[in-house]
C-alpha cells in the first residue's frame, strides 16, 4: 500500500520535473523511493529532501540555501520549502552534473548503471554501488507497473 500511495502522490511531481529536464519520471521516483525510504525518512518528512542531496553548493532557483544537520557529526543536507522544489532541484542537478545518466534515463537499466557508478553515490558513506544499481533497476520496474496501473494514458 505504501508504494501505491507514494506513486500516486509523487508521480505528478516526477513527471513535471522530468518533462522540464528530460529525465524519465520512473527513474526519478525510483531514486526518491531509495533515498527517502518511500517518503518515510526524517529528511523527506521534515525537510522535503527526497533525494539525500547534501547542503553543499550555492543556492539554486529551487533551493534557497537552507541546510539541516540530522546528527551532530553528520553531513549537512538541503532543506526545501516544498516537495516540488526537491524534485526540481534533483532533476536540475542530474541534468547539469550527471548528464550521461540523464541522457540514458529512458532506459532504467542504463540510467542505474550511470548514476550508481558516478560520484552521486559515495562509497565513503558506506554506499554499495552494485546494490544501489540493482535496487534502482528493480524499483524502476515496480514503479513503472504502478504508474501504468494508476495513470493509464
Protein backbone atom coordinates (compact mmCIF):
# COMPACT_ATOMS: atom_id res chain seq x y z
CA UNK A 1 0.00 0.00 0.00
CA UNK A 2 2.85 2.40 0.83
CA UNK A 3 4.29 2.04 -2.68
CA UNK A 4 0.94 2.73 -4.34
CA UNK A 5 0.39 5.86 -2.26
CA UNK A 6 3.95 7.03 -2.94
CA UNK A 7 3.49 6.67 -6.70
CA UNK A 8 0.05 8.27 -6.66
CA UNK A 9 1.33 11.21 -4.60
CA UNK A 10 4.68 11.91 -6.24
CA UNK A 11 4.37 10.76 -9.86
CA UNK A 12 2.84 14.11 -10.94
CA UNK A 13 5.88 15.96 -9.50
CA UNK A 14 8.32 13.50 -11.06
CA UNK A 15 6.54 13.82 -14.40
CA UNK A 16 6.55 17.62 -14.33
CA UNK A 17 10.22 17.86 -13.30
CA UNK A 18 11.15 15.08 -15.73
CA UNK A 19 9.50 16.89 -18.62
CA UNK A 20 11.35 20.12 -17.83
CA UNK A 21 14.75 18.38 -17.58
CA UNK A 22 14.15 15.48 -20.00
CA UNK A 23 14.53 12.73 -17.39
CA UNK A 24 12.36 9.63 -17.16
CA UNK A 25 9.92 10.16 -14.23
CA UNK A 26 10.08 6.46 -13.38
CA UNK A 27 13.79 6.65 -12.51
CA UNK A 28 13.18 9.89 -10.63
CA UNK A 29 10.59 8.14 -8.46
CA UNK A 30 12.78 5.06 -8.02
CA UNK A 31 15.64 7.20 -6.79
CA UNK A 32 13.30 9.14 -4.50
CA UNK A 33 12.00 5.85 -3.08
CA UNK A 34 15.54 4.66 -2.30
CA UNK A 35 16.78 7.93 -0.85
CA UNK A 36 13.66 8.76 1.19
CA UNK A 37 12.57 5.26 2.24
CA UNK A 38 9.33 5.68 0.26
CA UNK A 39 8.95 9.18 1.82
CA UNK A 40 9.25 7.85 5.36
CA UNK A 41 12.67 9.38 6.19
CA UNK A 42 13.04 12.33 8.53
CA UNK A 43 14.80 14.22 5.76
CA UNK A 44 11.82 13.87 3.42
CA UNK A 45 9.09 14.33 6.04
CA UNK A 46 10.52 17.36 7.84
CA UNK A 47 12.72 18.95 5.18
CA UNK A 48 11.17 17.88 1.84
CA UNK A 49 14.52 16.42 0.74
CA UNK A 50 13.57 13.23 -1.14
CA UNK A 51 16.98 12.59 -2.69
CA UNK A 52 19.51 12.91 0.14
CA UNK A 53 21.11 15.92 -1.51
CA UNK A 54 23.75 17.41 0.72
CA UNK A 55 23.78 21.08 1.68
CA UNK A 56 26.87 21.97 -0.29
CA UNK A 57 26.98 24.36 -3.20
CA UNK A 58 25.37 27.67 -3.97
CA UNK A 59 21.62 28.23 -3.68
CA UNK A 60 19.64 27.44 -6.83
CA UNK A 61 16.30 28.56 -8.18
CA UNK A 62 14.76 25.65 -6.20
CA UNK A 63 16.93 25.60 -3.07
CA UNK A 64 17.28 28.82 -1.08
CA UNK A 65 20.40 27.62 0.73
CA UNK A 66 18.71 26.32 3.89
CA UNK A 67 20.58 23.43 5.50
CA UNK A 68 19.87 20.90 8.21
CA UNK A 69 22.18 18.57 10.08
CA UNK A 70 20.42 15.42 11.30
CA UNK A 71 23.18 14.31 13.63
CA UNK A 72 26.00 16.05 15.45
CA UNK A 73 28.75 14.68 13.21
CA UNK A 74 26.66 14.10 10.10
CA UNK A 75 26.66 15.86 6.78
CA UNK A 76 24.53 18.96 6.21
CA UNK A 77 21.57 18.33 3.90
CA UNK A 78 19.43 20.65 1.85
CA UNK A 79 16.10 21.65 3.34
CA UNK A 80 13.47 22.60 0.76
CA UNK A 81 10.41 24.82 1.09
CA UNK A 82 8.28 22.10 -0.54
CA UNK A 83 8.37 18.70 -2.19
CA UNK A 84 8.18 20.32 -5.62
CA UNK A 85 11.46 22.18 -5.10
CA UNK A 86 13.13 18.93 -4.04
CA UNK A 87 12.08 17.12 -7.22
CA UNK A 88 13.00 20.03 -9.48
CA UNK A 89 16.36 20.62 -7.79
CA UNK A 90 17.19 16.91 -8.09
CA UNK A 91 16.40 16.93 -11.82
CA UNK A 92 18.38 20.15 -12.29
CA UNK A 93 21.33 18.52 -10.53
CA UNK A 94 21.14 15.30 -12.57
CA UNK A 95 20.80 17.18 -15.87
CA UNK A 96 23.67 19.58 -15.09
CA UNK A 97 26.14 17.37 -13.19
CA UNK A 98 25.25 13.84 -14.31
CA UNK A 99 24.36 14.42 -17.96
CA UNK A 100 25.39 10.91 -19.13
CA UNK A 101 22.85 9.41 -16.70
CA UNK A 102 20.13 11.91 -17.65
CA UNK A 103 20.72 11.25 -21.34
CA UNK A 104 20.01 7.50 -20.97
CA UNK A 105 17.21 7.74 -18.40
CA UNK A 106 14.64 6.37 -20.85
CA UNK A 107 16.30 3.04 -20.04
CA UNK A 108 16.21 2.50 -16.27
CA UNK A 109 18.93 -0.15 -16.56
CA UNK A 110 21.31 2.23 -18.38
CA UNK A 111 20.47 5.10 -16.03
CA UNK A 112 21.06 2.91 -12.96
CA UNK A 113 24.48 1.91 -14.22
CA UNK A 114 25.49 5.51 -14.99
CA UNK A 115 24.24 7.02 -11.73
CA UNK A 116 25.41 4.23 -9.41
CA UNK A 117 28.95 4.41 -10.77
CA UNK A 118 29.08 8.22 -10.68
CA UNK A 119 30.12 10.47 -7.83
CA UNK A 120 26.44 10.77 -6.82
CA UNK A 121 26.98 7.55 -4.87
CA UNK A 122 29.61 7.80 -2.16
CA UNK A 123 31.29 4.61 -1.01
CA UNK A 124 32.90 6.73 1.72
CA UNK A 125 29.40 6.94 3.26
CA UNK A 126 29.01 3.17 3.06
CA UNK A 127 27.07 3.07 -0.20
CA UNK A 128 27.47 -0.07 -2.27
CA UNK A 129 27.36 0.86 -5.95
CA UNK A 130 26.26 -2.54 -7.22
CA UNK A 131 23.49 -2.87 -4.63
CA UNK A 132 22.29 0.63 -5.46
CA UNK A 133 22.30 -0.15 -9.19
CA UNK A 134 20.32 -3.37 -8.83
CA UNK A 135 17.82 -1.81 -6.40
CA UNK A 136 17.28 1.12 -8.75
CA UNK A 137 16.57 -1.26 -11.65
CA UNK A 138 14.13 -3.34 -9.56
CA UNK A 139 12.27 -0.33 -8.16
CA UNK A 140 12.05 1.27 -11.61
CA UNK A 141 10.32 -1.88 -12.87
CA UNK A 142 7.94 -1.97 -9.89
CA UNK A 143 7.15 1.74 -10.17
CA UNK A 144 6.60 1.56 -13.93
CA UNK A 145 3.90 -1.10 -13.37
CA UNK A 146 2.21 1.07 -10.74
CA UNK A 147 2.36 4.15 -12.98
CA UNK A 148 0.71 2.23 -15.84
CA UNK A 149 -1.98 0.98 -13.46
CA UNK A 150 -2.63 4.32 -11.72
CA UNK A 151 -2.10 6.71 -14.63
CA UNK A 152 -3.42 4.96 -17.75
CA UNK A 153 -2.97 7.01 -20.88
